[in-house]
Amino acid sequence: MGTEVIDVLVVGGGPAGLTLARALTAGHPGLSVTVLEGAGRVGGKARTEIRDGYTFEHGPSDYTRNPEMVRLIEDSGLGDRVEVAPLRSLTRMAIVRDGRLLPTPRSPLGALTTPLLSPAAKARMLLEPLFARRPGPEGDESVHDMAARHFGAEVADRVVRNMLLGTAACDARTTSVRALAPALWDFERDAGRAGLLAHAVRSALRRRGGDRMRAPDVMHLVPGGVAALWERLATDLDGRVVTGAPAVSLEVDEDRRYAVTVTDGTRYVARTVVLAVPAYTAAALVAGMAPRAAEILRGITYSGLRVFGLGYRDDELARFPDGIGFLVPRGEGARMFAVAAVSRIVAAHAPDGHVLLRVFMGGSEDPGVFDLTRDEAVEEIRRDLRRFTGMTAEPGFVAEASDRRAIPRYEVGHAARLEQAEAALLEYPGLFLAGNSYRSLGLTATVLRAARLAPVVAERARRAARSERRPGPRGPARSRRGPSGTQHGPSETRSE
């Protein structure tokens, strides 16, 4: 065949796809790698808007500080742009309760003194070791149910549910512990009969004493924001990234190679393909040959988010709470559920003498927020800020990021369903899934998982190349076309 055969074709030029491509080219220089990105820019949902002296992140806003992430940033030549925010400073938040702002608990012991909880709820927490002996379900359970099982319904409702909504836009009542926080399963097992609370206190004391288990800080890139890393990685890949190339079909040719066609008709042939795209895009691409896998992937749902950046003068936030912001539980009569003063974390995100607020609306429990016009949404936010903080000023800067499918929902049973989808794809050993639709919801976790996938993909590509050099029959070809000969694929490819 006259078409050039690529060792690894990555569909999706977001954080997962670019990290994987970088790891392949750096660690396996003999392999040919190409990245296809459907949009006109790389980075997927990691997009930074810099305007009027403000830096507004449309998607994720920071990276967890750990050795692998630090190494990736430094190897990209951006180490001198890193600004570190200690994790402890990010825990200074408030939460609305009956229209008043109260500080959130910052430690297991703080939960026993917070005015957020009734005396009965605190007593129930102290009795947690007695209830810890009750085993949870074997397969999976929701974050809310696990919290209620250990600490009681009030803690689950007033603390856990609101913290998860405010930090991950998830509904704790339907979110899977096993998928969202697999380490928590291990934590519960390690806790044993002592219970999670006592185990958490011991862990906190170890961290305070300098134990290596200390929670990591977070990193920001200044200047440039989150997007600077992905723009640099794309540049370093030196022509291997093709933007404006949405994949519309995926086939297996007569030589058992994968063929991806994009909207302009260009056909890319590869020994291995990594679908670093949202689950709904991957489902459309694999539907013709793995209908069961496609059905499961289509079943992964997403929460929509509207995120607003509002800029104010410092003196206009005189009554804004100390710390980085506050959470607003459902039931307080507000459409926004979290407000973060991001320039208190990174001063460079706002001009001198100004503050940038990042306000979150939507989530799985409020899809109707997308019915509001931009002006209506901003007016709702101003009304709620006035009610909770006394702020009356009109913002001098407004930016918006709106995405109806912003964050995948890891609902109870997600991990088991994903295993079924992967089993259905075993017939195609050169095909891989990557990105936060499947595992690792946070940006840094997604990046690290993609990097660790690289040696597996590289070995498969080399094995396929060796197989091609051996004489003998190839075996039957499998077509990705449907029974009518039509191609299966989305009209648009967005990366993760």
Protein backbone atom coordinates (compact mmCIF):
# COMPACT_ATOMS: atom_id res chain seq x y z
CA MET A 1 0.00 0.00 0.00
CA GLY A 2 1.35 3.42 -0.87
CA THR A 3 0.01 5.31 2.13
CA GLU A 4 2.50 6.09 4.89
CA VAL A 5 1.82 3.95 7.96
CA ILE A 6 2.04 5.78 11.30
CA ASP A 7 3.07 3.83 14.38
CA VAL A 8 0.73 5.71 16.74
CA LEU A 9 -2.19 7.93 15.75
CA VAL A 10 -3.64 9.96 18.63
CA VAL A 11 -7.16 11.27 18.02
CA GLY A 12 -7.55 14.32 20.25
CA GLY A 13 -5.10 17.11 21.00
CA GLY A 14 -6.17 17.88 24.54
CA PRO A 15 -4.10 17.29 27.69
CA ALA A 16 -4.36 13.49 27.52
CA GLY A 17 -3.51 13.25 23.82
CA LEU A 18 -0.65 15.75 23.89
CA THR A 19 0.87 14.25 27.04
CA LEU A 20 0.77 10.79 25.51
CA ALA A 21 2.33 12.03 22.26
CA ARG A 22 5.05 13.84 24.19
CA ALA A 23 5.84 10.73 26.25
CA LEU A 24 6.00 8.59 23.10
CA THR A 25 8.32 10.91 21.18
CA ALA A 26 10.57 11.52 24.20
CA GLY A 27 10.77 7.95 25.47
CA HIS A 28 10.41 6.02 22.22
CA PRO A 29 12.11 8.15 19.54
CA GLY A 30 11.96 5.44 16.88
CA LEU A 31 8.18 5.58 16.66
CA SER A 32 6.25 7.84 14.31
CA VAL A 33 3.44 9.73 16.07
CA THR A 34 0.68 11.98 14.72
CA VAL A 35 -2.00 13.85 16.69
CA LEU A 36 -5.33 14.81 15.11
CA GLU A 37 -7.27 17.65 16.77
CA GLY A 38 -10.74 18.55 15.56
CA ALA A 39 -10.68 22.13 16.80
CA GLY A 40 -8.54 24.93 15.46
CA ARG A 41 -6.40 24.96 18.62
CA VAL A 42 -4.92 22.39 20.99
CA GLY A 43 -5.67 21.96 24.67
CA GLY A 44 -9.25 20.70 24.65
CA LYS A 45 -11.13 22.15 27.62
CA ALA A 46 -7.89 23.62 29.00
CA ARG A 47 -8.20 27.11 27.53
CA THR A 48 -6.92 30.42 28.91
CA GLU A 49 -8.34 33.86 28.05
CA ILE A 50 -6.06 36.84 28.77
CA ARG A 51 -7.79 40.21 28.42
CA ASP A 52 -7.66 43.65 30.06
CA GLY A 53 -5.02 42.45 32.51
CA TYR A 54 -7.11 39.48 33.69
CA THR A 55 -6.32 35.79 33.19
CA PHE A 56 -9.51 33.73 33.01
CA GLU A 57 -9.38 29.94 32.79
CA HIS A 58 -12.23 28.43 30.76
CA GLY A 59 -11.57 24.95 32.13
CA PRO A 60 -9.22 23.51 34.75
CA SER A 61 -7.09 26.18 36.38
CA ASP A 62 -4.13 24.48 38.03
CA TYR A 63 -1.90 21.41 38.33
CA THR A 64 -1.19 19.28 41.37
CA ARG A 65 2.42 19.60 42.42
CA ASN A 66 4.00 16.15 42.20
CA PRO A 67 7.32 14.97 40.73
CA GLU A 68 5.94 13.76 37.39
CA MET A 69 3.94 16.92 36.75
CA VAL A 70 6.86 19.14 37.76
CA ARG A 71 9.15 17.19 35.41
CA LEU A 72 6.75 17.58 32.48
CA ILE A 73 6.53 21.35 32.99
CA GLU A 74 10.29 21.73 33.44
CA ASP A 75 11.09 19.54 30.43
CA SER A 76 8.79 21.81 28.41
CA GLY A 77 10.89 24.83 29.38
CA LEU A 78 8.17 26.40 31.53
CA GLY A 79 9.65 25.74 34.96
CA ASP A 80 10.40 29.43 35.51
CA ARG A 81 6.69 30.25 35.12
CA VAL A 82 5.48 28.05 37.97
CA GLU A 83 3.81 29.77 40.91
CA VAL A 84 2.98 27.45 43.80
CA ALA A 85 -0.06 27.82 46.06
CA PRO A 86 0.19 25.80 49.30
CA LEU A 87 -2.75 23.45 49.59
CA ARG A 88 -3.53 24.68 53.10
CA SER A 89 -4.24 28.16 51.76
CA LEU A 90 -6.83 26.68 49.40
CA THR A 91 -8.84 25.16 52.25
CA ARG A 92 -9.82 28.57 53.66
CA MET A 93 -13.38 28.61 52.35
CA ALA A 94 -16.79 29.54 53.65
CA ILE A 95 -20.16 27.94 53.06
CA VAL A 96 -23.62 29.50 53.06
CA ARG A 97 -25.99 28.24 55.74
CA ASP A 98 -29.42 29.88 56.03
CA GLY A 99 -28.12 32.90 54.11
CA ARG A 100 -25.04 33.38 56.33
CA LEU A 101 -21.41 32.64 55.50
CA LEU A 102 -19.76 30.17 57.88
CA PRO A 103 -16.22 28.75 57.70
CA THR A 104 -15.93 25.20 56.37
CA PRO A 105 -14.13 22.59 58.50
CA ARG A 106 -10.46 22.40 57.53
CA SER A 107 -9.62 19.18 59.36
CA PRO A 108 -11.30 16.13 60.90
CA LEU A 109 -11.12 17.83 64.30
CA GLY A 110 -12.59 21.01 62.83
CA ALA A 111 -15.68 19.06 61.86
CA LEU A 112 -16.35 18.51 65.56
CA THR A 113 -16.41 22.25 66.34
CA THR A 114 -18.04 23.70 63.23
CA PRO A 115 -21.39 25.51 63.61
CA LEU A 116 -22.47 23.84 60.37
CA LEU A 117 -23.41 20.67 62.24
CA SER A 118 -25.80 19.99 65.07
CA PRO A 119 -24.63 18.48 68.38
CA ALA A 120 -26.36 15.25 67.38
CA ALA A 121 -24.39 15.09 64.11
CA LYS A 122 -21.11 15.65 65.96
CA ALA A 123 -21.97 12.92 68.44
CA ARG A 124 -22.75 10.60 65.53
CA MET A 125 -19.30 11.36 64.07
CA LEU A 126 -17.60 10.41 67.34
CA LEU A 127 -19.50 7.12 67.32
CA GLU A 128 -18.22 6.37 63.82
CA PRO A 129 -15.97 3.45 64.91
CA LEU A 130 -19.10 1.59 66.05
CA PHE A 131 -20.69 2.01 62.64
CA ALA A 132 -17.44 1.41 60.74
CA ARG A 133 -17.83 -2.29 61.41
CA ARG A 134 -20.78 -2.38 59.03
CA PRO A 135 -19.39 -3.38 55.64
CA GLY A 136 -20.29 -1.36 52.60
CA PRO A 137 -21.56 -2.89 49.36
CA GLU A 138 -19.05 -5.12 47.59
CA GLY A 139 -19.27 -3.59 44.14
CA ASP A 140 -19.70 0.17 44.49
CA GLU A 141 -21.60 2.88 46.31
CA SER A 142 -22.14 6.60 46.08
CA VAL A 143 -19.94 9.12 47.88
CA HIS A 144 -23.02 10.28 49.80
CA ASP A 145 -23.96 6.77 50.91
CA MET A 146 -20.44 6.01 52.08
CA ALA A 147 -20.30 9.25 54.07
CA ALA A 148 -23.72 8.60 55.58
CA ARG A 149 -22.74 5.05 56.49
CA HIS A 150 -19.71 6.28 58.41
CA PHE A 151 -20.72 9.71 59.72
CA GLY A 152 -24.49 10.01 59.45
CA ALA A 153 -26.92 11.66 57.06
CA GLU A 154 -26.37 15.22 58.31
CA VAL A 155 -22.63 15.16 57.58
CA ALA A 156 -23.28 13.58 54.20
CA ASP A 157 -25.90 16.22 53.31
CA ARG A 158 -24.38 19.39 54.75
CA VAL A 159 -20.65 18.81 54.30
CA VAL A 160 -19.80 16.05 51.83
CA ARG A 161 -22.51 16.80 49.28
CA ASN A 162 -21.73 20.51 49.19
CA MET A 163 -17.96 20.08 49.13
CA LEU A 164 -18.16 17.67 46.19
CA LEU A 165 -20.54 19.94 44.30
CA GLY A 166 -18.34 22.97 44.86
CA THR A 167 -15.03 21.33 43.99
CA ALA A 168 -16.00 18.86 41.24
CA ALA A 169 -19.54 19.86 40.17
CA CYS A 170 -20.63 16.32 41.08
CA ASP A 171 -23.77 15.10 42.81
CA ALA A 172 -22.51 13.04 45.76
CA ARG A 173 -25.76 11.05 45.78
CA THR A 174 -24.99 9.47 42.39
CA THR A 175 -21.18 9.74 42.15
CA SER A 176 -19.23 6.50 42.51
CA VAL A 177 -16.62 6.29 45.26
CA ARG A 178 -14.81 3.52 43.40
CA ALA A 179 -14.48 5.57 40.20
CA LEU A 180 -13.97 9.06 41.61
CA ALA A 181 -11.70 8.17 44.53
CA PRO A 182 -10.42 4.60 44.30
CA ALA A 183 -7.86 5.38 47.00
CA LEU A 184 -10.76 5.93 49.40
CA TRP A 185 -11.61 2.24 49.10
CA ASP A 186 -8.09 1.46 50.28
CA PHE A 187 -8.35 4.13 52.96
CA GLU A 188 -11.51 2.53 54.32
CA ARG A 189 -9.86 -0.89 54.33
CA ASP A 190 -6.77 0.48 56.11
CA ALA A 191 -8.94 2.22 58.68
CA GLY A 192 -10.44 -1.07 59.82
CA ARG A 193 -12.45 -0.99 63.02
CA ALA A 194 -10.89 2.29 64.10
CA GLY A 195 -13.06 4.06 61.55
CA LEU A 196 -12.33 6.68 58.91
CA LEU A 197 -12.34 9.63 61.33
CA ALA A 198 -9.64 8.22 63.62
CA HIS A 199 -7.62 7.07 60.64
CA ALA A 200 -7.91 10.54 59.04
CA VAL A 201 -6.75 12.20 62.27
CA ARG A 202 -3.71 9.93 62.45
CA SER A 203 -2.89 10.67 58.82
CA ALA A 204 -3.25 14.42 59.41
CA LEU A 205 -0.89 14.25 62.38
CA ARG A 206 1.66 12.35 60.29
CA ARG A 207 1.46 14.99 57.57
CA ARG A 208 1.85 17.80 60.11
CA GLY A 209 4.99 16.08 61.37
CA GLY A 210 6.59 16.15 57.95
CA ASP A 211 5.50 12.70 56.86
CA ARG A 212 5.91 12.02 53.15
CA MET A 213 2.13 11.54 52.93
CA ARG A 214 1.67 15.32 53.15
CA ALA A 215 -0.95 16.49 50.67
CA PRO A 216 0.54 18.16 47.58
CA ASP A 217 0.33 21.84 46.71
CA VAL A 218 -0.99 23.16 43.40
CA MET A 219 0.85 24.95 40.61
CA HIS A 220 -0.14 27.74 38.24
CA LEU A 221 1.68 28.94 35.14
CA VAL A 222 2.34 32.69 35.14
CA PRO A 223 2.17 34.19 32.60
CA GLY A 224 0.16 32.17 30.11
CA GLY A 225 -2.15 30.15 32.32
CA VAL A 226 -2.97 26.47 31.97
CA ALA A 227 -3.05 26.64 28.17
CA ALA A 228 0.64 27.61 27.97
CA LEU A 229 1.73 24.02 28.65
CA TRP A 230 -0.38 22.53 25.86
CA GLU A 231 0.65 25.18 23.36
CA ARG A 232 4.30 24.45 24.22
CA LEU A 233 3.84 20.68 23.91
CA ALA A 234 2.21 21.10 20.50
CA THR A 235 5.11 23.28 19.36
CA ASP A 236 7.65 20.77 20.66
CA LEU A 237 5.94 17.97 18.74
CA ASP A 238 7.26 19.75 15.65
CA GLY A 239 4.63 19.27 12.97
CA ARG A 240 3.16 16.07 14.37
CA VAL A 241 -0.05 17.85 15.44
CA VAL A 242 -2.77 18.48 12.85
CA THR A 243 -5.51 20.90 13.99
CA GLY A 244 -8.86 21.46 12.30
CA ALA A 245 -9.03 17.73 11.53
CA PRO A 246 -12.14 16.14 13.09
CA ALA A 247 -12.19 12.36 12.76
CA VAL A 248 -15.35 11.11 11.04
CA SER A 249 -14.62 7.40 10.58
CA LEU A 250 -12.45 4.62 11.92
CA GLU A 251 -11.85 1.39 10.01
CA VAL A 252 -9.54 -1.63 9.99
CA ASP A 253 -8.03 -2.23 6.55
CA GLU A 254 -7.07 -5.47 4.83
CA ASP A 255 -3.63 -5.40 6.49
CA ARG A 256 -5.19 -5.14 9.97
CA ARG A 257 -4.14 -1.53 10.29
CA TYR A 258 -6.36 1.23 11.57
CA ALA A 259 -7.54 3.92 9.17
CA VAL A 260 -8.94 7.24 10.39
CA THR A 261 -10.58 9.64 7.94
CA VAL A 262 -11.10 13.32 8.75
CA THR A 263 -13.64 15.77 7.37
CA ASP A 264 -11.57 16.89 4.38
CA GLY A 265 -11.21 13.28 3.23
CA THR A 266 -7.61 12.80 4.34
CA ARG A 267 -7.01 9.22 5.46
CA TYR A 268 -4.45 8.34 8.13
CA VAL A 269 -3.29 4.73 8.48
CA ALA A 270 -1.74 3.58 11.75
CA ARG A 271 -0.65 0.48 13.61
CA THR A 272 -2.21 1.75 16.84
CA VAL A 273 -4.85 4.36 17.59
CA VAL A 274 -5.49 6.15 20.87
CA LEU A 275 -8.91 7.79 21.21
CA ALA A 276 -8.12 10.68 23.58
CA VAL A 277 -11.57 12.19 23.07
CA PRO A 278 -14.80 12.38 25.11
CA ALA A 279 -16.76 9.16 25.50
CA TYR A 280 -19.54 10.28 23.15
CA THR A 281 -17.02 10.91 20.36
CA ALA A 282 -15.26 7.60 20.95
CA ALA A 283 -18.65 5.84 20.95
CA ALA A 284 -19.50 7.18 17.51
CA LEU A 285 -16.13 6.10 16.11
CA VAL A 286 -16.27 2.51 17.40
CA ALA A 287 -20.00 1.91 16.87
CA GLY A 288 -19.59 0.00 13.60
CA MET A 289 -17.32 -2.70 14.98
CA ALA A 290 -17.95 -2.78 18.74
CA PRO A 291 -21.62 -1.88 19.30
CA ARG A 292 -21.60 -3.05 22.93
CA ALA A 293 -18.61 -0.84 23.75
CA ALA A 294 -20.24 2.07 21.93
CA GLU A 295 -23.46 1.61 23.90
CA ILE A 296 -21.60 1.75 27.21
CA LEU A 297 -19.54 4.77 26.20
CA ARG A 298 -22.68 6.61 25.07
CA GLY A 299 -24.09 5.96 28.54
CA ILE A 300 -21.42 8.10 30.20
CA THR A 301 -23.20 11.37 30.95
CA TYR A 302 -21.81 14.84 31.56
CA SER A 303 -22.56 17.82 33.77
CA GLY A 304 -22.88 21.20 32.12
CA LEU A 305 -21.14 24.25 33.55
CA ARG A 306 -21.33 27.98 33.07
CA VAL A 307 -18.28 29.65 34.57
CA PHE A 308 -18.05 33.44 34.79
CA GLY A 309 -15.03 35.61 35.44
CA LEU A 310 -15.97 38.89 37.11
CA GLY A 311 -13.40 41.61 37.79
CA TYR A 312 -13.70 44.18 40.59
CA ARG A 313 -11.59 46.77 42.37
CA ASP A 314 -10.21 45.62 45.72
CA ASP A 315 -12.30 48.12 47.66
CA GLU A 316 -15.49 46.74 46.09
CA LEU A 317 -14.95 43.42 47.92
CA ALA A 318 -14.76 44.89 51.41
CA ARG A 319 -17.33 42.42 52.76
CA PHE A 320 -16.19 39.41 50.75
CA PRO A 321 -15.12 36.63 53.18
CA ASP A 322 -11.49 35.93 54.00
CA GLY A 323 -9.95 33.00 52.18
CA ILE A 324 -10.42 31.99 48.58
CA GLY A 325 -14.21 31.98 48.32
CA PHE A 326 -17.36 30.20 49.36
CA LEU A 327 -19.78 27.40 48.50
CA VAL A 328 -23.53 27.78 48.08
CA PRO A 329 -25.57 24.63 48.80
CA ARG A 330 -28.65 23.79 46.80
CA GLY A 331 -31.65 25.02 48.71
CA GLU A 332 -30.22 28.47 49.46
CA GLY A 333 -32.16 30.00 46.57
CA ALA A 334 -29.10 30.71 44.40
CA ARG A 335 -28.14 29.52 40.93
CA MET A 336 -24.39 29.79 41.59
CA PHE A 337 -22.87 27.01 43.68
CA ALA A 338 -19.26 28.17 44.14
CA VAL A 339 -17.31 31.44 44.05
CA ALA A 340 -13.50 31.60 44.05
CA ALA A 341 -11.37 34.73 44.35
CA VAL A 342 -8.72 33.31 42.04
CA SER A 343 -6.45 36.36 42.17
CA ARG A 344 -6.04 35.75 45.90
CA ILE A 345 -4.39 32.48 44.87
CA VAL A 346 -2.43 33.91 41.92
CA ALA A 347 -2.13 37.69 42.09
CA ALA A 348 -1.12 37.93 38.42
CA HIS A 349 -4.61 36.79 37.35
CA ALA A 350 -5.93 40.32 37.95
CA PRO A 351 -4.46 43.82 37.46
CA ASP A 352 -2.93 45.55 40.47
CA GLY A 353 -5.63 46.75 42.85
CA HIS A 354 -8.23 44.38 41.40
CA VAL A 355 -9.72 40.96 42.15
CA LEU A 356 -10.98 38.29 39.76
CA LEU A 357 -13.89 36.17 40.94
CA ARG A 358 -14.60 32.85 39.25
CA VAL A 359 -18.27 31.96 39.65
CA PHE A 360 -19.73 28.51 38.89
CA MET A 361 -23.29 27.76 37.82
CA GLY A 362 -25.01 24.63 36.53
CA GLY A 363 -23.88 21.14 37.43
CA SER A 364 -25.93 17.97 37.20
CA GLU A 365 -28.73 19.39 39.36
CA ASP A 366 -29.31 22.62 37.41
CA PRO A 367 -29.28 22.02 33.63
CA GLY A 368 -31.78 24.86 33.22
CA VAL A 369 -29.03 27.42 33.81
CA PHE A 370 -28.30 27.27 30.08
CA ASP A 371 -31.70 28.82 29.39
CA LEU A 372 -30.46 32.12 30.85
CA THR A 373 -28.94 34.74 28.59
CA ARG A 374 -25.49 35.97 29.54
CA ASP A 375 -26.92 39.20 30.96
CA GLU A 376 -29.55 37.30 32.95
CA ALA A 377 -26.91 34.94 34.39
CA VAL A 378 -24.66 37.83 35.43
CA GLU A 379 -27.62 39.59 37.05
CA GLU A 380 -28.43 36.39 39.00
CA ILE A 381 -24.82 36.28 40.21
CA ARG A 382 -24.83 39.95 41.23
CA ARG A 383 -28.07 39.44 43.16
CA ASP A 384 -26.60 36.47 45.05
CA LEU A 385 -23.30 38.25 45.76
CA ARG A 386 -25.27 41.18 47.15
CA ARG A 387 -27.33 38.84 49.34
CA PHE A 388 -24.40 36.84 50.74
CA THR A 389 -21.58 39.42 50.84
CA GLY A 390 -23.19 42.84 50.53
CA MET A 391 -21.38 43.54 47.24
CA THR A 392 -23.27 46.04 45.08
CA ALA A 393 -20.67 47.09 42.49
CA GLU A 394 -21.03 46.26 38.82
CA PRO A 395 -18.10 44.18 37.52
CA GLY A 396 -15.65 46.02 35.30
CA PHE A 397 -14.64 42.79 33.57
CA VAL A 398 -16.86 39.89 32.46
CA ALA A 399 -15.87 36.65 30.76
CA GLU A 400 -17.77 33.39 30.32
CA ALA A 401 -17.00 29.75 29.62
CA SER A 402 -20.10 27.71 28.82
CA ASP A 403 -20.05 23.96 28.17
CA ARG A 404 -23.09 21.68 28.28
CA ARG A 405 -20.81 18.64 28.58
CA ALA A 406 -18.06 20.01 30.78
CA ILE A 407 -17.36 17.22 33.26
CA PRO A 408 -18.03 13.47 32.94
CA ARG A 409 -20.18 11.96 35.65
CA TYR A 410 -18.67 8.91 37.31
CA GLU A 411 -21.99 7.47 38.42
CA VAL A 412 -22.29 4.40 40.63
CA GLY A 413 -21.21 1.37 38.59
CA HIS A 414 -18.99 3.46 36.27
CA ALA A 415 -15.84 1.39 36.85
CA ALA A 416 -17.59 -1.92 36.18
CA ARG A 417 -19.26 -0.60 33.03
CA LEU A 418 -15.94 0.75 31.79
CA GLU A 419 -14.36 -2.66 32.29
CA GLN A 420 -17.14 -4.15 30.15
CA ALA A 421 -16.47 -1.61 27.40
CA GLU A 422 -12.75 -2.36 27.44
CA ALA A 423 -13.48 -6.09 27.29
CA ALA A 424 -15.63 -5.50 24.21
CA LEU A 425 -12.68 -3.72 22.57
CA LEU A 426 -10.17 -6.53 23.25
CA GLU A 427 -10.76 -7.82 19.73
CA TYR A 428 -8.91 -4.70 18.57
CA PRO A 429 -5.64 -4.80 20.55
CA GLY A 430 -4.18 -1.71 18.90
CA LEU A 431 -7.05 0.52 20.03
CA PHE A 432 -6.82 2.47 23.30
CA LEU A 433 -8.97 4.92 25.26
CA ALA A 434 -7.49 7.90 27.12
CA GLY A 435 -8.87 10.98 28.85
CA ASN A 436 -10.97 11.94 31.83
CA SER A 437 -14.20 10.41 30.50
CA TYR A 438 -12.96 7.07 31.75
CA ARG A 439 -10.70 7.45 34.78
CA SER A 440 -8.86 10.23 36.61
CA LEU A 441 -11.27 13.16 36.72
CA GLY A 442 -8.72 15.85 37.64
CA LEU A 443 -6.42 17.47 35.09
CA THR A 444 -3.17 16.33 36.69
CA ALA A 445 -4.44 12.78 37.21
CA THR A 446 -5.51 12.63 33.55
CA VAL A 447 -2.08 13.83 32.44
CA LEU A 448 -0.21 11.31 34.58
CA ARG A 449 -2.38 8.39 33.47
CA ALA A 450 -1.81 9.33 29.82
CA ALA A 451 1.96 9.44 30.36
CA ARG A 452 1.90 6.00 31.96
CA LEU A 453 -0.05 4.61 29.01
CA ALA A 454 2.80 5.50 26.63
CA PRO A 455 4.99 2.38 27.11
CA VAL A 456 1.96 0.10 26.64
CA VAL A 457 1.05 1.83 23.37
CA ALA A 458 4.67 1.83 22.21
CA GLU A 459 5.07 -1.90 22.82
CA ARG A 460 1.86 -2.63 20.90
CA ALA A 461 3.01 -0.50 17.95
CA ARG A 462 6.38 -2.29 17.83
CA ARG A 463 4.69 -5.68 18.03
CA ALA A 464 2.41 -4.74 15.13
CA ALA A 465 5.41 -3.59 13.07
CA ARG A 466 7.25 -6.87 13.72
CA SER A 467 4.17 -8.83 12.73
CA GLU A 468 4.01 -6.99 9.40
CA ARG A 469 7.55 -8.10 8.56
CA ARG A 470 6.76 -11.77 9.06
CA PRO A 471 5.65 -13.71 5.95
CA GLY A 472 2.32 -15.44 5.99
CA PRO A 473 -1.40 -14.73 5.68
CA ARG A 474 -2.81 -11.65 7.32
CA GLY A 475 -6.18 -13.09 8.19
CA PRO A 476 -9.55 -11.56 7.45
CA ALA A 477 -9.95 -7.82 7.47
CA ARG A 478 -12.58 -6.26 9.70
CA SER A 479 -14.45 -3.27 8.39
CA ARG A 480 -15.66 -0.41 10.54
CA ARG A 481 -18.47 0.19 8.09
CA GLY A 482 -22.00 -0.60 9.07
CA PRO A 483 -24.08 -3.23 7.29
CA SER A 484 -25.24 -0.67 4.77
CA GLY A 485 -21.69 0.47 4.02
CA THR A 486 -22.12 3.82 5.77
CA GLN A 487 -19.29 5.12 7.90
CA HIS A 488 -19.70 5.58 11.63
CA GLY A 489 -18.28 8.73 13.21
CA PRO A 490 -19.11 12.10 14.71
CA SER A 491 -19.47 15.34 12.86
CA GLU A 492 -17.03 16.93 15.28
CA THR A 493 -14.08 15.64 17.27
CA ARG A 494 -13.22 17.37 20.53
CA SER A 495 -10.22 16.42 22.58
CA GLU A 496 -9.74 15.65 26.26
